[in-house]
Amino acid sequence: MSDSLPVPLAHRVPDLAALELLLAVARLGSLGRAARELGITQPAASGRVRSMERLLGVALVERSPRGSRLTDAGVLVTDWARRIVEAAEAFDAGAQALRSRRDSRLRVVASMTIAEYLMPTWLVALRAERPGTAVSLLAGNSAAVAERLRAGEADLGFVEGLQVPPGLDGVVVGRDRLMVVAAPGHPWARRRAPLEPGELAATPLVLRERGSGTRQVLDAALAAHGGLAEPLLELASTTAAKAAAVGGAGPSVLSELAVGEELAARRLVEIPVADLELRRDLRAVWPAGHYPAGPARDLLGLTWSPAGQRA
């Protein structure tokens, strides 16, 4: 018994381009006309036929001044070729159907701040480009976004935080600043000097829940100052935390994106903090190794330019 490995099928069977040429020769009775129909030169067509004959070990086409005629072996091979090409056409039609089904829907999952304050504008722009795509948007904290993507429950996600969650790839699509805010009647609103980081860390605050990008950034920033005190309130959305702060429940730390209107109307006041970095990256993310395709790729293109950095 030979120990040699079998020759792969792809090395024993002519490729589709050669089989399509053979079918065209059979239909048109001329290698030259077949070449023109397929958009190749006659020498290229002749070379393709010779390569096919060498591969199969039989003559397929007889050439004469009056045209080209299939040999008996060529007639048999043409019959087999027709079935292969028909199967390839069915394969291509099925792949197109899969692409059409993929392109007809987009599942997006985004962290709360991005979902509330950035996603509406992005989705309006996407609808202008892809009016036939049905979009579903789920909102949750950054940890929940990562979980849904890893579980295959979304095509594209958006998170805030310090880094790309494990198991995902991503790009930075924007940057955001967290602000310490309080109602105008809070004692901090009357301070003349900036708040010290240690004082912020030691004060019970109205906070987003653990797992949110806002909480991750704040935890990291205050780790060197004793860490966060037990929250005054721990809420699952930016809107809820903002409403609590506006209502006078206590100071909060919120995205600059979320509090512009309240600051302008003096329903909230920004409290400066000395020597504390509260900036964060906003990222588009997707399962590692699976770059977005179809409408997910288009939405990514609306939020990020390749001139930006992969992160």
Protein backbone atom coordinates (compact mmCIF):
# COMPACT_ATOMS: atom_id res chain seq x y z
CA MET A 1 0.00 0.00 0.00
CA SER A 2 1.35 3.44 -0.93
CA ASP A 3 1.96 5.89 1.88
CA SER A 4 1.65 8.88 -0.46
CA LEU A 5 -1.12 11.37 0.26
CA PRO A 6 -4.03 11.54 -2.22
CA VAL A 7 -3.96 14.43 -4.67
CA PRO A 8 -6.60 17.01 -3.62
CA LEU A 9 -9.71 17.15 -5.79
CA ALA A 10 -9.00 20.78 -6.68
CA HIS A 11 -5.79 19.60 -8.39
CA ARG A 12 -7.59 16.89 -10.41
CA VAL A 13 -10.66 18.77 -11.67
CA PRO A 14 -10.64 21.79 -14.03
CA ASP A 15 -11.69 25.08 -12.51
CA LEU A 16 -14.98 26.80 -13.32
CA ALA A 17 -13.39 29.23 -15.76
CA ALA A 18 -12.09 26.34 -17.89
CA LEU A 19 -15.40 24.49 -17.76
CA GLU A 20 -17.34 27.62 -18.77
CA LEU A 21 -14.98 28.02 -21.75
CA LEU A 22 -15.56 24.43 -22.82
CA LEU A 23 -19.34 24.94 -22.68
CA ALA A 24 -19.04 28.12 -24.76
CA VAL A 25 -16.96 26.30 -27.41
CA ALA A 26 -19.60 23.56 -27.59
CA ARG A 27 -22.38 26.13 -27.96
CA LEU A 28 -20.68 28.49 -30.44
CA GLY A 29 -18.52 26.05 -32.43
CA SER A 30 -15.55 28.41 -32.30
CA LEU A 31 -12.78 28.93 -29.80
CA GLY A 32 -12.42 32.55 -30.92
CA ARG A 33 -16.12 33.35 -30.45
CA ALA A 34 -16.07 31.60 -27.08
CA ALA A 35 -13.08 33.71 -26.02
CA ARG A 36 -14.83 36.93 -27.06
CA GLU A 37 -18.01 35.99 -25.18
CA LEU A 38 -16.01 35.36 -22.01
CA GLY A 39 -13.91 38.50 -22.40
CA ILE A 40 -10.52 36.79 -22.82
CA THR A 41 -8.03 36.68 -25.69
CA GLN A 42 -7.94 33.75 -28.10
CA PRO A 43 -4.37 32.78 -27.04
CA ALA A 44 -5.55 32.74 -23.42
CA ALA A 45 -8.50 30.55 -24.38
CA SER A 46 -6.23 28.15 -26.29
CA GLY A 47 -3.91 27.94 -23.31
CA ARG A 48 -6.82 27.23 -21.00
CA VAL A 49 -8.01 24.37 -23.21
CA ARG A 50 -4.51 22.88 -23.43
CA SER A 51 -4.13 23.03 -19.65
CA MET A 52 -7.47 21.27 -19.24
CA GLU A 53 -6.45 18.56 -21.71
CA ARG A 54 -3.16 17.99 -19.87
CA LEU A 55 -4.96 17.78 -16.55
CA LEU A 56 -7.52 15.23 -17.81
CA GLY A 57 -5.14 13.36 -20.12
CA VAL A 58 -7.49 13.45 -23.14
CA ALA A 59 -8.00 15.70 -26.17
CA LEU A 60 -11.15 17.79 -25.86
CA VAL A 61 -11.22 20.16 -28.86
CA GLU A 62 -10.20 19.67 -32.49
CA ARG A 63 -9.26 22.96 -34.18
CA SER A 64 -9.55 23.60 -37.93
CA PRO A 65 -9.84 26.61 -40.25
CA ARG A 66 -13.62 26.07 -40.21
CA GLY A 67 -13.86 26.32 -36.41
CA SER A 68 -13.56 24.15 -33.32
CA ARG A 69 -15.23 20.79 -32.76
CA LEU A 70 -15.45 18.73 -29.60
CA THR A 71 -13.89 15.29 -29.62
CA ASP A 72 -15.94 12.36 -28.38
CA ALA A 73 -14.19 12.71 -25.03
CA GLY A 74 -14.90 16.44 -25.20
CA VAL A 75 -18.62 15.80 -25.63
CA LEU A 76 -18.64 13.62 -22.47
CA VAL A 77 -16.61 16.10 -20.47
CA THR A 78 -18.92 18.92 -21.62
CA ASP A 79 -21.95 17.04 -20.29
CA TRP A 80 -20.24 16.64 -16.92
CA ALA A 81 -19.05 20.24 -16.99
CA ARG A 82 -22.62 21.47 -17.54
CA ARG A 83 -23.75 19.76 -14.33
CA ILE A 84 -20.84 21.26 -12.37
CA VAL A 85 -21.52 24.77 -13.68
CA GLU A 86 -25.24 24.42 -12.92
CA ALA A 87 -24.37 23.35 -9.38
CA ALA A 88 -22.03 26.35 -9.07
CA GLU A 89 -24.83 28.66 -10.26
CA ALA A 90 -27.15 27.19 -7.62
CA PHE A 91 -24.41 27.68 -5.01
CA ASP A 92 -23.99 31.32 -6.09
CA ALA A 93 -27.76 31.93 -5.97
CA GLY A 94 -27.90 30.50 -2.46
CA ALA A 95 -24.98 32.67 -1.32
CA GLN A 96 -26.70 35.75 -2.75
CA ALA A 97 -29.86 34.85 -0.85
CA LEU A 98 -27.86 34.57 2.37
CA ARG A 99 -26.27 37.96 1.73
CA SER A 100 -29.67 39.49 1.03
CA ARG A 101 -31.06 38.07 4.27
CA ARG A 102 -28.03 39.38 6.18
CA ASP A 103 -28.30 42.80 4.57
CA SER A 104 -32.02 43.10 5.38
CA ARG A 105 -31.42 43.37 9.13
CA LEU A 106 -28.92 44.81 11.59
CA ARG A 107 -28.72 44.03 15.29
CA VAL A 108 -26.95 46.75 17.28
CA VAL A 109 -26.25 46.77 20.98
CA ALA A 110 -24.90 49.92 22.65
CA SER A 111 -24.03 51.17 26.09
CA MET A 112 -26.55 53.55 27.58
CA THR A 113 -24.87 56.89 26.89
CA ILE A 114 -24.09 56.05 23.28
CA ALA A 115 -27.55 54.56 22.72
CA GLU A 116 -29.28 57.65 24.11
CA TYR A 117 -27.14 60.48 22.77
CA LEU A 118 -25.24 59.33 19.66
CA MET A 119 -27.02 56.34 18.14
CA PRO A 120 -30.16 58.17 16.92
CA THR A 121 -28.10 60.42 14.61
CA TRP A 122 -26.06 57.47 13.31
CA LEU A 123 -29.16 55.40 12.59
CA VAL A 124 -30.87 58.24 10.72
CA ALA A 125 -27.76 58.48 8.50
CA LEU A 126 -27.74 54.69 8.00
CA ARG A 127 -31.42 54.70 6.98
CA ALA A 128 -30.60 57.23 4.26
CA GLU A 129 -28.01 54.79 2.86
CA ARG A 130 -29.92 51.55 3.49
CA PRO A 131 -33.65 52.29 3.63
CA GLY A 132 -34.51 48.59 3.33
CA THR A 133 -32.51 47.46 6.36
CA ALA A 134 -34.49 46.78 9.54
CA VAL A 135 -32.46 47.84 12.58
CA SER A 136 -32.96 46.62 16.12
CA LEU A 137 -31.17 48.47 18.93
CA LEU A 138 -30.66 47.10 22.41
CA ALA A 139 -29.18 49.23 25.18
CA GLY A 140 -27.29 48.04 28.24
CA ASN A 141 -24.10 48.70 30.12
CA SER A 142 -20.73 48.00 28.52
CA ALA A 143 -20.43 44.57 30.15
CA ALA A 144 -23.84 43.54 28.78
CA VAL A 145 -22.87 44.77 25.30
CA ALA A 146 -19.79 42.52 25.35
CA GLU A 147 -21.80 39.53 26.54
CA ARG A 148 -24.36 39.87 23.73
CA LEU A 149 -21.67 40.16 21.08
CA ARG A 150 -19.79 37.12 22.36
CA ALA A 151 -23.08 35.17 22.40
CA GLY A 152 -23.79 36.06 18.74
CA GLU A 153 -26.87 38.09 19.66
CA ALA A 154 -25.73 41.30 17.89
CA ASP A 155 -23.80 42.26 14.77
CA LEU A 156 -22.12 45.39 16.11
CA GLY A 157 -21.73 46.98 19.52
CA PHE A 158 -20.69 50.29 21.05
CA VAL A 159 -19.12 50.68 24.47
CA GLU A 160 -17.52 53.26 26.74
CA GLY A 161 -14.64 52.38 28.97
CA LEU A 162 -10.93 51.92 29.37
CA GLN A 163 -10.25 49.12 26.89
CA VAL A 164 -11.75 46.67 24.39
CA PRO A 165 -13.59 43.93 26.32
CA PRO A 166 -12.03 40.43 26.15
CA GLY A 167 -12.98 38.39 23.08
CA LEU A 168 -13.77 41.45 20.97
CA ASP A 169 -12.01 43.68 18.45
CA GLY A 170 -12.77 47.36 18.15
CA VAL A 171 -11.94 50.88 17.04
CA VAL A 172 -12.20 54.21 18.82
CA VAL A 173 -15.06 56.20 17.25
CA GLY A 174 -15.02 59.16 19.63
CA ARG A 175 -14.00 60.51 23.00
CA ASP A 176 -16.03 61.69 25.93
CA ARG A 177 -15.45 63.48 29.23
CA LEU A 178 -17.09 62.62 32.52
CA MET A 179 -18.19 65.55 34.66
CA VAL A 180 -18.98 65.86 38.33
CA VAL A 181 -22.36 67.62 38.52
CA ALA A 182 -24.76 68.64 41.25
CA ALA A 183 -27.98 70.57 41.61
CA PRO A 184 -27.48 74.35 42.11
CA GLY A 185 -28.57 74.07 45.74
CA HIS A 186 -25.85 71.57 46.68
CA PRO A 187 -22.98 72.96 48.83
CA TRP A 188 -20.45 71.95 46.16
CA ALA A 189 -22.11 74.34 43.70
CA ARG A 190 -21.00 77.28 45.90
CA ARG A 191 -17.36 76.22 46.20
CA ARG A 192 -14.69 78.58 44.97
CA ALA A 193 -11.84 76.05 44.89
CA PRO A 194 -11.88 72.82 42.85
CA LEU A 195 -12.84 69.63 44.62
CA GLU A 196 -9.96 67.40 45.67
CA PRO A 197 -10.02 63.81 44.27
CA GLY A 198 -9.92 62.35 47.78
CA GLU A 199 -12.99 64.35 48.77
CA LEU A 200 -14.85 63.13 45.67
CA ALA A 201 -13.85 59.54 46.45
CA ALA A 202 -15.03 59.78 50.04
CA THR A 203 -18.45 61.26 49.20
CA PRO A 204 -21.49 59.02 48.54
CA LEU A 205 -22.57 59.77 44.95
CA VAL A 206 -25.43 59.01 42.60
CA LEU A 207 -23.70 56.46 40.35
CA ARG A 208 -24.24 54.17 37.41
CA GLU A 209 -24.16 50.46 38.17
CA ARG A 210 -21.05 48.28 38.13
CA GLY A 211 -20.31 47.08 34.61
CA SER A 212 -21.09 50.45 33.04
CA GLY A 213 -18.33 52.28 31.21
CA THR A 214 -18.92 55.35 33.38
CA ARG A 215 -18.38 53.35 36.55
CA GLN A 216 -15.26 51.62 35.16
CA VAL A 217 -13.59 54.95 34.36
CA LEU A 218 -14.53 56.49 37.70
CA ASP A 219 -13.36 53.44 39.66
CA ALA A 220 -10.00 53.52 37.89
CA ALA A 221 -9.55 57.28 38.31
CA LEU A 222 -10.23 57.19 42.05
CA ALA A 223 -8.42 53.94 42.87
CA ALA A 224 -5.33 55.90 43.93
CA HIS A 225 -7.44 58.12 46.19
CA GLY A 226 -9.00 55.46 48.37
CA GLY A 227 -11.62 54.21 45.93
CA LEU A 228 -15.27 55.13 45.68
CA ALA A 229 -17.40 55.41 48.80
CA GLU A 230 -20.56 53.34 49.02
CA PRO A 231 -22.97 54.88 46.47
CA LEU A 232 -25.79 57.09 47.62
CA LEU A 233 -27.84 55.64 44.76
CA GLU A 234 -26.83 53.09 42.14
CA LEU A 235 -28.92 53.41 38.97
CA ALA A 236 -29.05 51.47 35.70
CA SER A 237 -29.27 54.36 33.24
CA THR A 238 -27.73 57.75 32.60
CA THR A 239 -31.20 59.29 32.42
CA ALA A 240 -32.12 57.98 35.87
CA ALA A 241 -28.85 59.16 37.43
CA LYS A 242 -29.24 62.59 35.83
CA ALA A 243 -32.84 62.92 37.05
CA ALA A 244 -31.74 62.04 40.59
CA ALA A 245 -28.99 64.66 40.50
CA VAL A 246 -31.34 67.31 39.09
CA GLY A 247 -33.82 66.44 41.84
CA GLY A 248 -31.21 67.14 44.51
CA ALA A 249 -30.53 63.57 45.61
CA GLY A 250 -26.79 64.20 45.49
CA PRO A 251 -23.84 64.81 43.19
CA SER A 252 -23.27 62.49 40.23
CA VAL A 253 -20.61 61.78 37.63
CA LEU A 254 -22.08 61.79 34.13
CA SER A 255 -21.08 62.04 30.50
CA GLU A 256 -20.64 65.49 29.03
CA LEU A 257 -22.88 64.25 26.20
CA ALA A 258 -25.74 63.73 28.63
CA VAL A 259 -25.79 66.95 30.65
CA GLY A 260 -25.39 69.78 28.12
CA GLU A 261 -29.03 70.84 28.27
CA GLU A 262 -29.19 70.69 32.07
CA LEU A 263 -25.99 72.75 32.43
CA ALA A 264 -27.25 75.38 29.98
CA ALA A 265 -30.55 75.65 31.87
CA ARG A 266 -28.75 75.70 35.27
CA ARG A 267 -30.59 72.64 36.45
CA LEU A 268 -27.13 71.17 37.08
CA VAL A 269 -23.78 72.77 37.83
CA GLU A 270 -20.39 71.35 36.90
CA ILE A 271 -18.10 70.85 39.90
CA PRO A 272 -14.40 71.17 38.92
CA VAL A 273 -12.06 68.52 40.34
CA ALA A 274 -8.32 69.15 40.67
CA ASP A 275 -5.87 66.83 38.96
CA LEU A 276 -8.32 64.10 37.96
CA GLU A 277 -8.48 62.64 34.44
CA LEU A 278 -12.02 61.58 33.59
CA ARG A 279 -11.79 61.21 29.81
CA ARG A 280 -12.71 57.98 28.08
CA ASP A 281 -12.83 56.41 24.64
CA LEU A 282 -16.04 55.46 22.86
CA ARG A 283 -15.57 52.30 20.81
CA ALA A 284 -17.31 50.24 18.18
CA VAL A 285 -16.73 46.56 18.95
CA TRP A 286 -17.39 43.18 17.35
CA PRO A 287 -16.42 39.52 17.94
CA ALA A 288 -12.66 39.06 17.57
CA GLY A 289 -11.60 38.04 14.07
CA HIS A 290 -14.98 38.83 12.46
CA TYR A 291 -14.78 42.31 10.90
CA PRO A 292 -18.28 43.76 10.36
CA ALA A 293 -19.92 43.13 6.98
CA GLY A 294 -22.99 44.44 5.18
CA PRO A 295 -25.04 47.03 7.08
CA ALA A 296 -22.85 46.63 10.19
CA ARG A 297 -19.83 47.68 8.11
CA ASP A 298 -21.81 50.65 6.75
CA LEU A 299 -22.82 51.78 10.24
CA LEU A 300 -19.21 51.48 11.37
CA GLY A 301 -18.19 53.64 8.42
CA LEU A 302 -20.60 56.35 9.54
CA THR A 303 -18.99 56.52 12.98
CA TRP A 304 -15.32 55.91 12.22
CA SER A 305 -12.76 56.69 9.51
CA PRO A 306 -9.93 54.22 8.70
CA ALA A 307 -7.61 57.16 9.39
CA GLY A 308 -8.51 56.57 13.04
CA GLN A 309 -6.71 54.07 15.23
CA ARG A 310 -7.58 50.45 15.87
CA ALA A 311 -7.96 49.91 19.60
